[in-house]
Amino acid sequence: MSITQDDIDSFSEDAYPETIVYTHKTAIACSGEDNTHPRVWVSVPEIGNGYAKCGYCDIKFMRAKANNE
């Protein structure tokens, strides 16, 4: 059985839950949820400037608000 273009077009990113990690750090290391890829460092943008995404596993990293905000 082969995969057709219709199979690819019908694939939904909603089929898999999105993983978002909140951090106070400006950069964070990622090696996948279960150490599934080499460790890479991801620069995390300031609050309000979106998110950074790991190029290997698509985990998103967002800056967390300080406790007093």
Protein backbone atom coordinates (compact mmCIF):
# COMPACT_ATOMS: atom_id res chain seq x y z
CA MET A 1 0.00 0.00 0.00
CA SER A 2 1.33 3.42 -0.89
CA ILE A 3 0.49 6.87 0.40
CA THR A 4 -1.26 9.11 -2.09
CA GLN A 5 -1.29 12.90 -2.33
CA ASP A 6 -4.92 12.80 -1.11
CA ASP A 7 -3.69 11.03 2.05
CA ILE A 8 -1.11 13.74 2.60
CA ASP A 9 -3.59 16.54 1.88
CA SER A 10 -6.13 15.11 4.30
CA PHE A 11 -3.63 14.84 7.17
CA SER A 12 -4.56 17.21 9.96
CA GLU A 13 -2.10 18.66 12.44
CA ASP A 14 -4.98 18.42 14.92
CA ALA A 15 -4.49 14.65 14.89
CA TYR A 16 -1.63 15.05 17.34
CA PRO A 17 -1.71 17.16 20.49
CA GLU A 18 0.44 20.27 20.44
CA THR A 19 3.17 20.48 23.07
CA ILE A 20 3.97 23.93 24.47
CA VAL A 21 6.67 24.44 27.09
CA TYR A 22 6.59 27.68 29.08
CA THR A 23 9.90 29.00 30.44
CA HIS A 24 11.41 32.10 32.02
CA LYS A 25 14.70 31.46 30.20
CA THR A 26 15.91 33.18 27.03
CA ALA A 27 17.17 29.88 25.61
CA ILE A 28 16.27 26.29 26.36
CA ALA A 29 17.63 22.89 25.30
CA CYS A 30 15.37 20.42 23.52
CA SER A 31 16.02 16.74 22.84
CA GLY A 32 12.44 15.67 22.24
CA GLU A 33 9.86 14.44 24.72
CA ASP A 34 11.64 11.10 25.12
CA ASN A 35 15.18 12.04 24.02
CA THR A 36 14.21 11.22 20.45
CA HIS A 37 16.65 13.59 18.73
CA PRO A 38 20.00 15.32 19.32
CA ARG A 39 19.96 18.14 21.88
CA VAL A 40 19.50 21.53 20.27
CA TRP A 41 19.22 24.99 21.83
CA VAL A 42 16.18 27.09 21.04
CA SER A 43 16.08 30.88 21.58
CA VAL A 44 12.80 31.82 23.26
CA PRO A 45 11.33 35.22 22.28
CA GLU A 46 10.11 37.82 24.77
CA ILE A 47 6.50 37.65 26.01
CA GLY A 48 4.14 38.84 23.30
CA ASN A 49 6.50 37.97 20.43
CA GLY A 50 5.15 34.50 19.71
CA TYR A 51 6.99 31.25 20.21
CA ALA A 52 10.01 29.29 19.05
CA LYS A 53 9.64 25.79 17.65
CA CYS A 54 12.13 22.93 17.72
CA GLY A 55 13.10 21.99 14.17
CA TYR A 56 13.22 18.29 15.03
CA CYS A 57 10.08 17.60 17.06
CA ASP A 58 7.93 20.76 16.69
CA ILE A 59 7.67 21.34 20.46
CA LYS A 60 6.86 25.02 20.95
CA PHE A 61 8.58 27.16 23.57
CA MET A 62 6.99 30.34 24.93
CA ARG A 63 8.13 32.81 27.56
CA ALA A 64 6.22 32.45 30.81
CA LYS A 65 4.97 35.48 32.72
CA ALA A 66 6.66 36.23 36.02
CA ASN A 67 4.66 35.28 39.10
CA ASN A 68 4.03 38.93 39.89
CA GLU A 69 2.60 39.80 36.45
